[in-house]
N, C-alpha and C. Protein backbone atom coordinates (compact mmCIF):
# COMPACT_ATOMS: atom_id res chain seq x y z
N GLU A 1 5.32 -19.95 40.35
CA GLU A 1 5.72 -20.24 38.99
C GLU A 1 4.50 -20.27 38.07
N TYR A 2 3.39 -20.83 38.55
CA TYR A 2 2.18 -20.89 37.72
C TYR A 2 1.75 -19.49 37.30
N ARG A 3 1.69 -18.58 38.27
CA ARG A 3 1.24 -17.23 37.95
C ARG A 3 2.21 -16.53 37.01
N MET A 4 3.48 -16.80 37.16
CA MET A 4 4.46 -16.14 36.30
C MET A 4 4.30 -16.57 34.85
N ARG A 5 3.79 -17.75 34.62
CA ARG A 5 3.60 -18.22 33.25
C ARG A 5 2.34 -17.68 32.62
N GLN A 6 1.51 -17.01 33.40
CA GLN A 6 0.22 -16.55 32.90
C GLN A 6 0.30 -15.27 32.10
N PHE A 7 1.44 -14.60 32.09
CA PHE A 7 1.52 -13.38 31.29
C PHE A 7 2.64 -13.50 30.28
N ASN A 8 2.49 -12.74 29.22
CA ASN A 8 3.44 -12.80 28.12
C ASN A 8 4.49 -11.71 28.28
N THR A 9 5.74 -12.09 28.33
CA THR A 9 6.82 -11.13 28.35
C THR A 9 8.05 -11.79 27.76
N THR A 10 8.83 -11.00 27.08
CA THR A 10 10.08 -11.51 26.53
C THR A 10 11.26 -10.93 27.31
N VAL A 11 10.96 -10.24 28.40
CA VAL A 11 11.99 -9.59 29.20
C VAL A 11 12.48 -10.54 30.28
N SER A 12 13.79 -10.63 30.43
CA SER A 12 14.37 -11.47 31.48
C SER A 12 14.48 -10.67 32.77
N VAL A 13 13.89 -11.18 33.83
CA VAL A 13 13.94 -10.50 35.12
C VAL A 13 15.34 -10.55 35.72
N HIS A 14 16.18 -11.42 35.22
CA HIS A 14 17.51 -11.60 35.80
C HIS A 14 18.51 -10.53 35.38
N HIS A 15 18.20 -9.81 34.34
CA HIS A 15 19.10 -8.74 33.90
C HIS A 15 18.68 -7.45 34.62
N PRO A 16 19.60 -6.79 35.35
CA PRO A 16 19.23 -5.62 36.16
C PRO A 16 18.51 -4.52 35.38
N ASN A 17 18.86 -4.32 34.13
CA ASN A 17 18.22 -3.26 33.35
C ASN A 17 16.80 -3.62 32.93
N ASN A 18 16.42 -4.86 33.07
CA ASN A 18 15.10 -5.30 32.62
C ASN A 18 14.08 -5.46 33.74
N ARG A 19 14.50 -5.28 34.98
CA ARG A 19 13.58 -5.55 36.09
C ARG A 19 12.35 -4.65 36.06
N LEU A 20 12.54 -3.37 35.80
CA LEU A 20 11.39 -2.47 35.75
C LEU A 20 10.45 -2.85 34.61
N ARG A 21 11.00 -3.15 33.43
CA ARG A 21 10.17 -3.56 32.30
C ARG A 21 9.40 -4.83 32.64
N PHE A 22 10.07 -5.77 33.32
CA PHE A 22 9.42 -7.01 33.73
C PHE A 22 8.24 -6.72 34.66
N LEU A 23 8.45 -5.84 35.63
CA LEU A 23 7.38 -5.52 36.58
C LEU A 23 6.23 -4.80 35.89
N VAL A 24 6.54 -3.91 34.97
CA VAL A 24 5.49 -3.22 34.22
C VAL A 24 4.70 -4.24 33.40
N ASP A 25 5.39 -5.13 32.71
CA ASP A 25 4.71 -6.18 31.93
C ASP A 25 3.83 -7.04 32.82
N ALA A 26 4.34 -7.42 33.99
CA ALA A 26 3.58 -8.26 34.91
C ALA A 26 2.32 -7.53 35.38
N TYR A 27 2.47 -6.26 35.73
CA TYR A 27 1.32 -5.47 36.19
C TYR A 27 0.27 -5.35 35.09
N LEU A 28 0.70 -4.98 33.90
CA LEU A 28 -0.25 -4.80 32.80
C LEU A 28 -0.93 -6.11 32.42
N SER A 29 -0.17 -7.19 32.43
CA SER A 29 -0.74 -8.49 32.10
C SER A 29 -1.75 -8.93 33.17
N HIS A 30 -1.40 -8.72 34.43
CA HIS A 30 -2.32 -9.08 35.51
C HIS A 30 -3.61 -8.26 35.42
N THR A 31 -3.46 -6.97 35.15
CA THR A 31 -4.63 -6.10 35.02
C THR A 31 -5.53 -6.59 33.90
N GLN A 32 -4.94 -6.94 32.77
CA GLN A 32 -5.73 -7.44 31.64
C GLN A 32 -6.41 -8.76 31.98
N ASN A 33 -5.71 -9.65 32.69
CA ASN A 33 -6.31 -10.93 33.10
C ASN A 33 -7.51 -10.71 34.00
N VAL A 34 -7.42 -9.77 34.94
CA VAL A 34 -8.55 -9.49 35.83
C VAL A 34 -9.71 -8.91 35.03
N GLN A 35 -9.44 -7.97 34.12
CA GLN A 35 -10.50 -7.39 33.29
C GLN A 35 -11.17 -8.46 32.44
N ASP A 36 -10.39 -9.35 31.86
CA ASP A 36 -10.94 -10.43 31.05
C ASP A 36 -11.81 -11.36 31.89
N PHE A 37 -11.34 -11.68 33.09
CA PHE A 37 -12.10 -12.57 33.98
C PHE A 37 -13.45 -11.96 34.31
N VAL A 38 -13.46 -10.68 34.68
CA VAL A 38 -14.71 -10.02 35.04
C VAL A 38 -15.64 -9.93 33.84
N GLN A 39 -15.08 -9.67 32.67
CA GLN A 39 -15.90 -9.61 31.46
C GLN A 39 -16.54 -10.98 31.18
N ASN A 40 -15.82 -12.05 31.45
CA ASN A 40 -16.33 -13.40 31.20
C ASN A 40 -17.22 -13.92 32.32
N HIS A 41 -17.28 -13.21 33.44
CA HIS A 41 -18.10 -13.61 34.58
C HIS A 41 -18.93 -12.40 35.01
N PRO A 42 -20.05 -12.16 34.34
CA PRO A 42 -20.82 -10.93 34.55
C PRO A 42 -21.37 -10.76 35.97
N SER A 43 -21.39 -11.82 36.77
CA SER A 43 -21.88 -11.67 38.14
C SER A 43 -20.85 -10.97 39.03
N HIS A 44 -19.64 -10.81 38.54
CA HIS A 44 -18.59 -10.11 39.29
C HIS A 44 -18.58 -8.63 38.90
N ALA A 45 -18.24 -7.80 39.87
CA ALA A 45 -18.10 -6.36 39.61
C ALA A 45 -16.63 -5.99 39.72
N LEU A 46 -16.22 -5.05 38.93
CA LEU A 46 -14.83 -4.59 38.95
C LEU A 46 -14.84 -3.09 39.21
N VAL A 47 -14.11 -2.69 40.24
CA VAL A 47 -13.96 -1.27 40.56
C VAL A 47 -12.53 -0.90 40.21
N GLN A 48 -12.37 -0.04 39.22
CA GLN A 48 -11.04 0.40 38.81
C GLN A 48 -10.90 1.89 39.08
N PHE A 49 -9.78 2.26 39.66
CA PHE A 49 -9.52 3.66 39.95
C PHE A 49 -8.03 3.84 40.16
N ASN A 50 -7.60 5.08 40.09
CA ASN A 50 -6.21 5.40 40.34
C ASN A 50 -6.07 5.70 41.83
N LEU A 51 -5.27 4.92 42.50
CA LEU A 51 -5.12 5.04 43.95
C LEU A 51 -4.62 6.42 44.37
N THR A 52 -3.94 7.12 43.48
CA THR A 52 -3.40 8.43 43.83
C THR A 52 -4.38 9.57 43.54
N GLN A 53 -5.53 9.26 42.99
CA GLN A 53 -6.54 10.29 42.72
C GLN A 53 -7.01 10.91 44.04
N PRO A 54 -7.17 12.21 44.09
CA PRO A 54 -7.68 12.83 45.31
C PRO A 54 -9.08 12.33 45.69
N ASP A 55 -9.88 11.93 44.71
CA ASP A 55 -11.24 11.47 45.00
C ASP A 55 -11.35 9.94 45.07
N ALA A 56 -10.23 9.25 45.28
CA ALA A 56 -10.27 7.78 45.37
C ALA A 56 -11.20 7.31 46.48
N GLY A 57 -11.18 8.00 47.61
CA GLY A 57 -12.07 7.63 48.72
C GLY A 57 -13.53 7.74 48.34
N ALA A 58 -13.89 8.78 47.59
CA ALA A 58 -15.28 8.95 47.15
C ALA A 58 -15.67 7.86 46.16
N ILE A 59 -14.75 7.49 45.29
CA ILE A 59 -15.03 6.41 44.33
C ILE A 59 -15.31 5.11 45.07
N LEU A 60 -14.46 4.79 46.05
CA LEU A 60 -14.66 3.55 46.82
C LEU A 60 -15.92 3.61 47.68
N ALA A 61 -16.19 4.77 48.27
CA ALA A 61 -17.41 4.92 49.07
C ALA A 61 -18.64 4.67 48.21
N ASN A 62 -18.64 5.22 47.02
CA ASN A 62 -19.76 5.04 46.11
C ASN A 62 -19.88 3.58 45.67
N ALA A 63 -18.76 2.93 45.40
CA ALA A 63 -18.78 1.55 44.90
C ALA A 63 -19.21 0.55 45.97
N PHE A 64 -18.80 0.79 47.22
CA PHE A 64 -19.03 -0.21 48.26
C PHE A 64 -20.06 0.21 49.30
N GLY A 65 -20.57 1.42 49.19
CA GLY A 65 -21.60 1.85 50.11
C GLY A 65 -21.11 2.13 51.52
N LEU A 66 -19.84 2.38 51.68
CA LEU A 66 -19.28 2.72 52.99
C LEU A 66 -18.91 4.20 52.98
N PRO A 67 -18.86 4.83 54.16
CA PRO A 67 -18.51 6.26 54.19
C PRO A 67 -17.13 6.52 53.60
N GLU A 68 -16.99 7.69 52.99
CA GLU A 68 -15.70 8.08 52.42
C GLU A 68 -14.60 8.09 53.47
N SER A 69 -14.95 8.36 54.71
CA SER A 69 -13.96 8.40 55.79
C SER A 69 -13.32 7.03 56.05
N CYS A 70 -13.93 5.97 55.55
CA CYS A 70 -13.34 4.62 55.71
C CYS A 70 -12.14 4.42 54.79
N TRP A 71 -12.02 5.25 53.79
CA TRP A 71 -10.98 5.08 52.78
C TRP A 71 -9.96 6.20 52.90
N GLY A 72 -9.02 6.02 53.80
CA GLY A 72 -8.01 7.05 54.02
C GLY A 72 -6.62 6.51 53.79
N HIS A 73 -5.65 7.36 54.04
CA HIS A 73 -4.24 6.99 53.88
C HIS A 73 -3.65 6.84 55.28
N HIS A 74 -3.39 5.61 55.68
CA HIS A 74 -2.85 5.32 57.00
C HIS A 74 -1.44 4.76 56.86
N ASN A 75 -0.67 4.83 57.92
CA ASN A 75 0.70 4.31 57.93
C ASN A 75 1.55 4.91 56.82
N LYS A 76 1.50 6.22 56.71
CA LYS A 76 2.30 6.89 55.68
C LYS A 76 3.78 6.70 55.95
N ASN A 77 4.55 6.64 54.91
CA ASN A 77 5.99 6.39 55.00
C ASN A 77 6.71 7.69 55.35
N ALA A 78 7.20 7.79 56.59
CA ALA A 78 7.87 9.00 57.06
C ALA A 78 9.18 9.24 56.31
N ILE A 79 9.87 8.18 55.94
CA ILE A 79 11.15 8.32 55.25
C ILE A 79 10.93 8.95 53.88
N ARG A 80 9.93 8.51 53.17
CA ARG A 80 9.64 9.07 51.84
C ARG A 80 9.29 10.55 51.94
N LYS A 81 8.58 10.90 53.00
CA LYS A 81 8.12 12.28 53.16
C LYS A 81 9.28 13.21 53.52
N THR A 82 10.14 12.79 54.45
CA THR A 82 11.19 13.67 54.96
C THR A 82 12.58 13.31 54.47
N GLY A 83 12.75 12.09 53.99
CA GLY A 83 14.08 11.64 53.60
C GLY A 83 14.87 11.08 54.77
N LYS A 84 14.28 11.12 55.97
CA LYS A 84 14.97 10.63 57.18
C LYS A 84 14.04 9.69 57.93
N PRO A 85 14.61 8.69 58.61
CA PRO A 85 13.75 7.82 59.43
C PRO A 85 13.21 8.60 60.63
N PRO A 86 12.03 8.21 61.14
CA PRO A 86 11.47 8.93 62.29
C PRO A 86 12.35 8.75 63.53
N LYS A 87 12.36 9.77 64.38
CA LYS A 87 13.13 9.70 65.62
C LYS A 87 12.42 8.79 66.59
N LYS A 88 13.22 8.00 67.32
CA LYS A 88 12.61 7.07 68.28
C LYS A 88 12.60 7.66 69.67
């Protein structure tokens, strides 16, 4: 409840048509709160990138000093890829 009060939204999560708007508002508000926190605490570093970028691994490797091979896509969702659950 505390965290939910930390962002501004006038959208009710209880109405089915508003759930996506609520989640978007929550995401944007959280992102802004993190950016504000880092700006107010210069000893912290913030690495921002688009997770779907093809070069996301290179960005993380550069930011954290670990090989790009450490930043891969594991446990991919087979259902999303094929539309069917994997055969057992």
